[in-house]
Amino acid sequence: MDAFHRRISLDEAASVAQRAIERELLTSASSSAIFHDLGLMRARIAALRSAFPEQTFHAVAVKANPVLDVLREAVAAEVGLEAASLEEVELARAAGCPSDRVVFDSPAKTHDEIRQALAWGVYLNADNFDELERIAAALAATDSSSRVGLRVNPLVGGGSIDETSVAHAKSKFGVPLESDRPRIVAAFAKHAWLGGLHVHTGSQGCEIDLLAEAIRRVAELRREIIAETGREVSHVDIGGGLPTAYRSTQTPPTPAEYRTLVEQRAPDLFEPDVRLVTEFGRAIHANCGIAVSRVEYVKPAQQLAVIHLGADFLLRTVYRPESWQHEFFLLDSRGMPKSGPQRPLTIAGPLCFAGDVLARDVPLPPVEPGDWIVIRDVGAYTLSMWSRHCSRGIPAVIGCDRDRSESLRVLRPQETPADLVRFWGSSRAANC
């Protein structure tokens, strides 16, 4: 099966849980754990790299999964990292990513952040014309090896999820392509160091036809800039947004299918003198992750089970269940798959508000306290969006690696109550 169509199955989840229980990485005291399949992540990165021209620069989005050891594994698989904040730039550097393979995309870069990024030599995508002037001022005062691009809003419209669509007329991101087209061309004529264009249409909910149309429009803009200014526009960052499967009925496109469509729409971007940049995150990580959480209580009258992960972990799922749905498995206390007649079950989280419900009417075998509920496809935009409501600690993050003798290793230890005191407290509180 193609790496981009693989998801962690019930049997695979059970095998991982059993080994974690045997090694006491998953115990009654831990209540939950998050597993990331590093082998599957590497396979997806390899499939992505093989689908695009050799000169393509792939930068995996840090915001999708910022666990440092996950980032280190991605860098070891020969991709760069895309950062949406200076803090994420620091994470990328700590993961061993060379500065010239870090893409910095924040829409709110300060003067100091721009100066720091230029000093490090990271790739900057400017979000607007004012930011270009800040970069110009900073470059006048320092030598920098940074490449700089300008983010353009292609105005192709939104996908099926408004909150993750960024190419509509009211988007906060980028320079509108149509109304500001003359200013875009003028900016390239003015700034000799401006050598790239950046476009991103959305993340999940945007079909690849919409993504490809956005890229076609930017390719057309690139040709216009070259024709009118004589300037070289050598880098085109096409963003991310490749859809991911969260349901068994979904069949997401592969990078190879996406590349074919983009090349049909914008063939000149695949010429040897153009360096494409990609920023995939969800498509790399989401299906690589599962969460396992213990059933603490069962309330038969409500057909409800209370587990230890809720809106703290799956913020979007709780607040926008119509857009973000997950599938669930049920294991017994030993990690064995449970069987029996399926019944509708409501799965509730541990937080102290009524809306903390992960799913309703999920068909599962009879559930008991001490069982483990497995949540599929949680490798992206879960831990990075962790909520501190009720101050619950983040569970252990465990890497599973079938390519390397199915070893398990802790990528990030479980947070303790003392960790939470330090998080919320002053230095004095941390030393208590």
Protein backbone atom coordinates (compact mmCIF):
# COMPACT_ATOMS: atom_id res chain seq x y z
CA MET A 1 0.00 0.00 0.00
CA ASP A 2 1.20 3.50 -0.82
CA ALA A 3 2.59 5.28 2.26
CA PHE A 4 0.02 8.08 1.85
CA HIS A 5 -2.86 5.60 1.99
CA ARG A 6 -1.60 3.78 5.08
CA ARG A 7 -3.19 4.38 8.47
CA ILE A 8 -2.52 2.62 11.75
CA SER A 9 -4.91 -0.35 11.93
CA LEU A 10 -6.62 -1.97 14.93
CA ASP A 11 -4.10 -4.83 14.97
CA GLU A 12 -1.15 -2.43 14.75
CA ALA A 13 -2.57 -0.25 17.52
CA ALA A 14 -3.11 -3.31 19.71
CA SER A 15 0.44 -4.54 19.09
CA VAL A 16 1.90 -1.15 20.04
CA ALA A 17 -0.27 -0.90 23.17
CA GLN A 18 0.67 -4.42 24.29
CA ARG A 19 4.39 -3.75 23.92
CA ALA A 20 4.01 -0.45 25.77
CA ILE A 21 2.18 -2.23 28.60
CA GLU A 22 4.86 -4.96 28.74
CA ARG A 23 7.58 -2.31 29.00
CA GLU A 24 5.52 -0.32 31.54
CA LEU A 25 5.43 2.69 29.22
CA LEU A 26 1.64 2.48 29.44
CA THR A 27 0.33 1.83 32.96
CA SER A 28 -2.69 2.57 35.08
CA ALA A 29 -0.72 5.53 36.47
CA SER A 30 -0.10 7.01 33.02
CA SER A 31 -3.78 7.05 31.93
CA SER A 32 -2.92 8.07 28.33
CA ALA A 33 -0.08 7.97 25.85
CA ILE A 34 0.50 9.25 22.34
CA PHE A 35 2.34 7.08 19.81
CA HIS A 36 4.01 8.32 16.62
CA ASP A 37 4.99 5.84 13.90
CA LEU A 38 8.40 7.13 12.84
CA GLY A 39 8.81 4.52 10.12
CA LEU A 40 5.56 5.56 8.46
CA MET A 41 6.63 9.21 8.73
CA ARG A 42 9.91 8.43 6.96
CA ALA A 43 8.04 6.49 4.26
CA ARG A 44 5.79 9.47 3.63
CA ILE A 45 8.73 11.83 3.42
CA ALA A 46 10.43 9.47 0.95
CA ALA A 47 7.27 9.30 -1.19
CA LEU A 48 7.01 13.08 -1.17
CA ARG A 49 10.64 13.55 -2.17
CA SER A 50 10.41 10.99 -4.98
CA ALA A 51 7.27 12.61 -6.42
CA PHE A 52 8.83 16.02 -7.04
CA PRO A 53 11.93 17.12 -8.99
CA GLU A 54 15.25 16.53 -7.26
CA GLN A 55 15.86 20.27 -6.76
CA THR A 56 12.62 20.68 -4.77
CA PHE A 57 13.10 21.86 -1.19
CA HIS A 58 10.62 20.19 1.17
CA ALA A 59 10.09 21.91 4.54
CA VAL A 60 7.81 20.03 6.97
CA ALA A 61 5.59 22.32 9.06
CA VAL A 62 6.74 22.49 12.68
CA LYS A 63 3.27 23.60 13.83
CA ALA A 64 1.84 20.25 12.75
CA ASN A 65 3.96 18.38 15.30
CA PRO A 66 6.59 20.29 17.33
CA VAL A 67 7.91 17.35 19.40
CA LEU A 68 11.65 17.86 19.15
CA ASP A 69 12.60 14.24 18.54
CA VAL A 70 9.97 13.99 15.79
CA LEU A 71 11.53 17.05 14.16
CA ARG A 72 14.99 15.48 14.49
CA GLU A 73 13.77 12.35 12.70
CA ALA A 74 12.31 14.49 9.90
CA VAL A 75 15.59 16.38 9.48
CA ALA A 76 17.45 13.07 9.39
CA ALA A 77 15.13 12.06 6.53
CA GLU A 78 16.59 14.99 4.55
CA VAL A 79 13.84 17.56 4.68
CA GLY A 80 13.85 21.08 6.05
CA LEU A 81 11.37 22.63 8.47
CA GLU A 82 8.78 25.39 8.09
CA ALA A 83 8.32 27.72 11.07
CA ALA A 84 5.35 29.96 11.79
CA SER A 85 7.02 31.78 14.70
CA LEU A 86 10.53 32.62 15.84
CA GLU A 87 10.05 30.05 18.60
CA GLU A 88 9.48 27.42 15.91
CA VAL A 89 12.64 28.62 14.17
CA GLU A 90 14.47 27.94 17.42
CA LEU A 91 12.87 24.48 17.58
CA ALA A 92 14.00 23.79 14.02
CA ARG A 93 17.57 24.82 14.85
CA ALA A 94 17.51 22.70 18.02
CA ALA A 95 16.41 19.75 15.87
CA GLY A 96 19.62 20.10 13.87
CA CYS A 97 18.04 21.69 10.81
CA PRO A 98 20.56 23.92 8.99
CA SER A 99 19.39 27.54 8.99
CA ASP A 100 19.25 27.70 5.21
CA ARG A 101 16.74 24.84 5.29
CA VAL A 102 14.36 26.64 7.64
CA VAL A 103 11.43 28.59 6.13
CA PHE A 104 10.07 31.38 8.36
CA ASP A 105 6.43 32.25 7.53
CA SER A 106 4.97 34.19 10.45
CA PRO A 107 2.49 36.91 9.36
CA ALA A 108 3.47 39.04 12.39
CA LYS A 109 7.28 39.21 12.30
CA THR A 110 8.70 41.98 14.48
CA HIS A 111 11.72 44.13 13.60
CA ASP A 112 13.84 42.10 16.03
CA GLU A 113 12.60 38.76 14.66
CA ILE A 114 13.42 39.83 11.10
CA ARG A 115 16.91 40.91 12.13
CA GLN A 116 17.48 37.64 13.97
CA ALA A 117 16.20 35.51 11.09
CA LEU A 118 18.43 37.37 8.62
CA ALA A 119 21.43 36.93 10.94
CA TRP A 120 20.78 33.18 11.02
CA GLY A 121 20.29 33.00 7.24
CA VAL A 122 16.84 31.39 7.26
CA TYR A 123 14.46 31.67 4.30
CA LEU A 124 11.88 34.41 4.90
CA ASN A 125 8.50 34.67 3.25
CA ALA A 126 7.27 38.26 3.72
CA ASP A 127 3.54 38.54 4.30
CA ASN A 128 3.00 42.12 3.07
CA PHE A 129 4.64 45.21 1.58
CA ASP A 130 5.38 46.81 4.96
CA GLU A 131 7.32 43.71 5.94
CA LEU A 132 9.34 43.99 2.74
CA GLU A 133 10.39 47.49 3.85
CA ARG A 134 11.38 46.16 7.27
CA ILE A 135 13.49 43.49 5.58
CA ALA A 136 15.06 46.11 3.32
CA ALA A 137 16.04 48.23 6.32
CA ALA A 138 17.48 45.25 8.15
CA LEU A 139 19.45 44.09 5.10
CA ALA A 140 20.95 47.57 4.73
CA ALA A 141 22.54 47.12 8.15
CA THR A 142 23.78 43.53 7.85
CA ASP A 143 25.09 40.91 5.45
CA SER A 144 22.76 37.96 5.15
CA SER A 145 22.55 34.79 3.09
CA SER A 146 18.77 34.62 3.54
CA ARG A 147 16.51 34.13 0.56
CA VAL A 148 13.33 36.17 0.61
CA GLY A 149 9.94 35.52 -0.98
CA LEU A 150 6.63 37.40 -0.98
CA ARG A 151 3.40 35.66 0.01
CA VAL A 152 0.59 36.19 -2.49
CA ASN A 153 -3.10 35.51 -1.89
CA PRO A 154 -4.22 33.83 -5.14
CA LEU A 155 -7.91 34.55 -4.44
CA VAL A 156 -9.13 31.13 -5.57
CA GLY A 157 -11.70 30.94 -2.77
CA GLY A 158 -12.08 28.67 0.25
CA GLY A 159 -12.49 24.96 0.75
CA SER A 160 -15.02 23.11 2.88
CA ILE A 161 -13.54 24.28 6.22
CA ASP A 162 -13.53 28.06 6.61
CA GLU A 163 -11.00 28.14 9.45
CA THR A 164 -8.32 26.39 7.40
CA SER A 165 -8.96 28.19 4.09
CA VAL A 166 -6.66 31.15 3.46
CA ALA A 167 -7.13 32.06 -0.21
CA HIS A 168 -10.44 33.95 -0.03
CA ALA A 169 -10.90 37.71 -0.35
CA LYS A 170 -10.96 38.37 3.42
CA SER A 171 -7.97 36.21 4.32
CA LYS A 172 -5.49 37.79 6.72
CA PHE A 173 -2.57 36.24 4.82
CA GLY A 174 -0.54 37.56 1.92
CA VAL A 175 -0.89 40.25 -0.72
CA PRO A 176 -4.08 40.05 -2.84
CA LEU A 177 -3.05 39.00 -6.32
CA GLU A 178 -5.49 41.02 -8.40
CA SER A 179 -5.73 44.41 -6.65
CA ASP A 180 -2.02 44.54 -5.77
CA ARG A 181 -0.58 43.00 -8.92
CA PRO A 182 1.19 46.23 -10.05
CA ARG A 183 2.68 46.72 -6.57
CA ILE A 184 3.93 43.13 -6.55
CA VAL A 185 5.74 43.63 -9.86
CA ALA A 186 7.11 46.97 -8.61
CA ALA A 187 8.44 45.34 -5.44
CA PHE A 188 10.48 42.87 -7.51
CA ALA A 189 11.77 45.73 -9.65
CA LYS A 190 12.79 47.65 -6.50
CA HIS A 191 14.37 44.93 -4.35
CA ALA A 192 17.20 42.97 -5.93
CA TRP A 193 17.21 40.54 -2.99
CA LEU A 194 13.53 39.58 -3.48
CA GLY A 195 13.69 36.35 -5.45
CA GLY A 196 10.72 34.18 -4.56
CA LEU A 197 6.94 33.87 -4.48
CA HIS A 198 4.90 32.05 -1.87
CA VAL A 199 1.33 30.73 -2.09
CA HIS A 200 -0.72 28.61 0.29
CA THR A 201 -4.42 27.90 -0.24
CA GLY A 202 -5.41 26.04 2.90
CA SER A 203 -4.98 23.03 5.14
CA GLN A 204 -7.54 20.18 5.00
CA GLY A 205 -10.82 20.81 3.26
CA CYS A 206 -9.15 22.16 0.11
CA GLU A 207 -9.18 19.80 -2.85
CA ILE A 208 -6.03 19.54 -4.95
CA ASP A 209 -7.75 21.13 -7.93
CA LEU A 210 -8.09 24.32 -5.84
CA LEU A 211 -4.44 24.09 -4.75
CA ALA A 212 -3.29 23.59 -8.32
CA GLU A 213 -5.32 26.56 -9.58
CA ALA A 214 -3.65 28.80 -6.99
CA ILE A 215 -0.24 27.63 -8.15
CA ARG A 216 -1.19 28.24 -11.78
CA ARG A 217 -2.06 31.85 -10.96
CA VAL A 218 1.23 32.40 -9.17
CA ALA A 219 3.15 30.82 -12.06
CA GLU A 220 1.43 33.30 -14.37
CA LEU A 221 2.44 36.15 -12.02
CA ARG A 222 6.03 34.89 -12.03
CA ARG A 223 6.15 35.05 -15.83
CA GLU A 224 4.78 38.59 -15.73
CA ILE A 225 7.40 39.70 -13.18
CA ILE A 226 10.22 38.26 -15.30
CA ALA A 227 8.86 39.84 -18.48
CA GLU A 228 8.40 43.31 -16.96
CA THR A 229 11.48 43.54 -14.73
CA GLY A 230 14.01 41.18 -16.28
CA ARG A 231 14.47 39.80 -12.75
CA GLU A 232 15.01 36.17 -11.90
CA VAL A 233 12.31 34.61 -9.70
CA SER A 234 14.08 31.42 -8.80
CA HIS A 235 12.05 30.13 -5.82
CA VAL A 236 8.34 29.32 -5.78
CA ASP A 237 6.94 28.11 -2.45
CA ILE A 238 3.69 26.24 -3.13
CA GLY A 239 2.84 25.71 0.55
CA GLY A 240 1.16 22.59 1.86
CA GLY A 241 -2.47 21.59 2.24
CA LEU A 242 -2.52 18.11 0.75
CA PRO A 243 -5.71 16.54 2.19
CA THR A 244 -5.46 13.71 4.72
CA ALA A 245 -7.82 10.82 5.53
CA TYR A 246 -9.48 10.84 8.93
CA ARG A 247 -12.26 8.43 7.95
CA SER A 248 -12.08 5.00 6.33
CA THR A 249 -14.32 6.23 3.51
CA GLN A 250 -11.78 8.89 2.46
CA THR A 251 -9.07 8.30 -0.15
CA PRO A 252 -6.63 11.20 -0.12
CA PRO A 253 -4.48 12.09 -3.13
CA THR A 254 -0.83 11.10 -3.15
CA PRO A 255 2.04 13.54 -3.69
CA ALA A 256 2.61 11.95 -7.10
CA GLU A 257 -0.99 12.65 -8.12
CA TYR A 258 -0.67 16.20 -6.84
CA ARG A 259 2.60 16.81 -8.67
CA THR A 260 1.05 15.55 -11.94
CA LEU A 261 -1.85 18.00 -11.63
CA VAL A 262 0.37 20.94 -10.71
CA GLU A 263 2.74 20.21 -13.59
CA GLN A 264 -0.20 20.15 -16.01
CA ARG A 265 -1.32 23.58 -14.79
CA ALA A 266 2.11 25.22 -14.36
CA PRO A 267 4.72 23.30 -16.37
CA ASP A 268 7.30 26.12 -16.25
CA LEU A 269 7.67 25.63 -12.48
CA PHE A 270 9.23 22.24 -13.17
CA GLU A 271 12.05 23.60 -15.29
CA PRO A 272 15.59 23.08 -13.93
CA ASP A 273 16.13 26.77 -13.10
CA VAL A 274 13.16 26.86 -10.67
CA ARG A 275 13.42 25.62 -7.12
CA LEU A 276 10.04 24.56 -5.77
CA VAL A 277 9.44 24.70 -2.03
CA THR A 278 6.73 22.69 -0.23
CA GLU A 279 5.41 23.01 3.33
CA PHE A 280 3.46 19.84 4.07
CA GLY A 281 2.64 19.06 7.69
CA ARG A 282 -0.68 17.33 8.22
CA ALA A 283 -0.16 15.05 5.20
CA ILE A 284 3.15 13.86 6.67
CA HIS A 285 2.19 13.47 10.32
CA ALA A 286 -1.55 13.01 10.92
CA ASN A 287 -1.94 9.33 10.05
CA CYS A 288 1.32 8.47 11.85
CA GLY A 289 -0.15 9.14 15.29
CA ILE A 290 -2.56 7.35 17.61
CA ALA A 291 -3.55 8.15 21.17
CA VAL A 292 -4.42 5.52 23.78
CA SER A 293 -6.48 6.64 26.79
CA ARG A 294 -7.81 4.61 29.70
CA VAL A 295 -11.53 4.40 30.37
CA GLU A 296 -11.92 5.70 33.91
CA TYR A 297 -15.69 5.52 34.32
CA VAL A 298 -18.64 4.11 32.40
CA LYS A 299 -22.12 5.57 32.84
CA PRO A 300 -24.56 2.99 31.42
CA ALA A 301 -27.63 5.21 31.65
CA GLN A 302 -26.01 7.78 29.33
CA GLN A 303 -24.13 5.15 27.28
CA LEU A 304 -21.04 7.22 28.07
CA ALA A 305 -17.38 6.54 28.84
CA VAL A 306 -15.04 9.06 30.47
CA ILE A 307 -11.41 8.96 29.30
CA HIS A 308 -8.35 11.10 30.01
CA LEU A 309 -8.09 13.01 26.72
CA GLY A 310 -10.59 15.60 25.58
CA ALA A 311 -10.60 19.18 24.37
CA ASP A 312 -7.12 19.61 25.83
CA PHE A 313 -5.83 17.30 23.08
CA LEU A 314 -8.48 17.43 20.35
CA LEU A 315 -9.54 21.05 20.50
CA ARG A 316 -10.94 21.22 16.97
CA THR A 317 -12.77 17.91 17.30
CA VAL A 318 -14.64 19.08 20.40
CA TYR A 319 -15.52 22.56 19.13
CA ARG A 320 -16.09 21.74 15.44
CA PRO A 321 -17.12 18.06 15.33
CA GLU A 322 -18.82 18.50 11.96
CA SER A 323 -15.44 19.29 10.38
CA TRP A 324 -13.02 17.23 12.47
CA GLN A 325 -14.00 13.63 13.10
CA HIS A 326 -11.85 10.75 14.29
CA GLU A 327 -12.27 7.00 14.37
CA PHE A 328 -11.87 4.90 17.52
CA PHE A 329 -10.81 1.38 18.52
CA LEU A 330 -11.42 -0.41 21.82
CA LEU A 331 -8.81 -2.53 23.63
CA ASP A 332 -9.08 -4.33 26.93
CA SER A 333 -6.78 -3.59 29.90
CA ARG A 334 -4.07 -5.85 28.42
CA GLY A 335 -4.19 -4.11 25.04
CA MET A 336 -6.14 -6.88 23.29
CA PRO A 337 -8.89 -5.89 20.79
CA LYS A 338 -12.33 -6.30 22.33
CA SER A 339 -15.19 -8.03 20.56
CA GLY A 340 -18.90 -8.35 21.13
CA PRO A 341 -22.07 -6.67 19.91
CA GLN A 342 -21.42 -3.05 19.03
CA ARG A 343 -23.37 -0.40 20.88
CA PRO A 344 -23.45 3.39 20.44
CA LEU A 345 -21.08 5.06 22.90
CA THR A 346 -20.45 8.70 23.78
CA ILE A 347 -16.78 9.34 24.52
CA ALA A 348 -16.26 12.20 26.99
CA GLY A 349 -13.04 13.88 28.06
CA PRO A 350 -11.83 14.79 31.56
CA LEU A 351 -12.23 18.58 31.42
CA CYS A 352 -14.63 20.51 33.61
CA PHE A 353 -17.12 21.79 31.05
CA ALA A 354 -20.15 20.16 29.45
CA GLY A 355 -18.92 20.39 25.87
CA ASP A 356 -15.86 18.22 26.44
CA VAL A 357 -17.13 15.35 24.27
CA LEU A 358 -14.95 13.73 21.61
CA ALA A 359 -17.68 11.81 19.82
CA ARG A 360 -21.25 10.63 20.16
CA ASP A 361 -22.86 7.35 19.14
CA VAL A 362 -19.60 5.62 18.25
CA PRO A 363 -20.30 1.93 17.56
CA LEU A 364 -17.98 -0.07 19.85
CA PRO A 365 -18.10 -3.38 21.75
CA PRO A 366 -19.16 -3.23 25.43
CA VAL A 367 -16.79 -0.97 27.33
CA GLU A 368 -15.57 -1.32 30.92
CA PRO A 369 -13.43 0.77 33.27
CA GLY A 370 -9.77 -0.06 32.64
CA ASP A 371 -10.24 -0.57 28.91
CA TRP A 372 -8.20 1.53 26.49
CA ILE A 373 -9.78 3.67 23.79
CA VAL A 374 -7.57 4.29 20.77
CA ILE A 375 -7.99 7.52 18.79
CA ARG A 376 -6.72 7.32 15.21
CA ASP A 377 -4.88 9.91 13.11
CA VAL A 378 -3.74 12.29 15.85
CA GLY A 379 -0.17 12.89 14.66
CA ALA A 380 -0.79 16.47 13.53
CA TYR A 381 -2.39 19.56 15.08
CA THR A 382 -3.12 17.90 18.41
CA LEU A 383 -0.20 18.34 20.80
CA SER A 384 0.70 21.59 19.07
CA MET A 385 -2.78 22.89 19.99
CA TRP A 386 -2.79 21.48 23.54
CA SER A 387 -5.08 23.44 25.86
CA ARG A 388 -4.12 24.16 29.47
CA HIS A 389 -7.76 24.31 30.61
CA CYS A 390 -7.92 22.42 33.94
CA SER A 391 -4.09 22.27 33.84
CA ARG A 392 -3.84 18.64 32.87
CA GLY A 393 -0.40 17.40 31.92
CA ILE A 394 0.58 16.29 28.44
CA PRO A 395 0.89 12.47 28.23
CA ALA A 396 4.09 10.74 27.21
CA VAL A 397 4.85 10.78 23.51
CA ILE A 398 6.32 7.46 22.39
CA GLY A 399 7.97 6.73 19.07
CA CYS A 400 7.26 3.34 17.50
CA ASP A 401 9.52 2.21 14.70
CA ARG A 402 8.72 -1.01 12.88
CA ASP A 403 11.63 -0.35 10.53
CA ARG A 404 13.97 -0.72 13.49
CA SER A 405 12.91 -3.95 15.20
CA GLU A 406 9.61 -2.43 16.34
CA SER A 407 11.41 -0.54 19.09
CA LEU A 408 9.58 1.91 21.34
CA ARG A 409 11.24 4.97 22.83
CA VAL A 410 9.99 7.94 24.78
CA LEU A 411 10.19 11.05 22.63
CA ARG A 412 8.75 13.33 25.29
CA PRO A 413 8.10 12.26 28.89
CA GLN A 414 4.75 12.58 30.57
CA GLU A 415 4.29 15.91 32.33
CA THR A 416 4.01 15.74 36.11
CA PRO A 417 2.07 18.00 38.48
CA ALA A 418 5.40 19.63 39.35
CA ASP A 419 5.91 20.44 35.66
CA LEU A 420 2.55 22.21 35.64
CA VAL A 421 3.45 24.22 38.75
CA ARG A 422 6.63 25.36 36.99
CA PHE A 423 4.66 26.17 33.83
CA TRP A 424 2.21 28.46 35.64
CA GLY A 425 4.53 29.77 38.33
CA SER A 426 7.37 32.18 38.78
CA SER A 427 10.96 31.05 39.30
CA ARG A 428 10.23 31.08 43.02
CA ALA A 429 7.32 28.65 42.55
CA ALA A 430 9.49 26.42 40.38
CA ASN A 431 12.01 26.09 43.22
CA CYS A 432 9.47 25.21 45.89
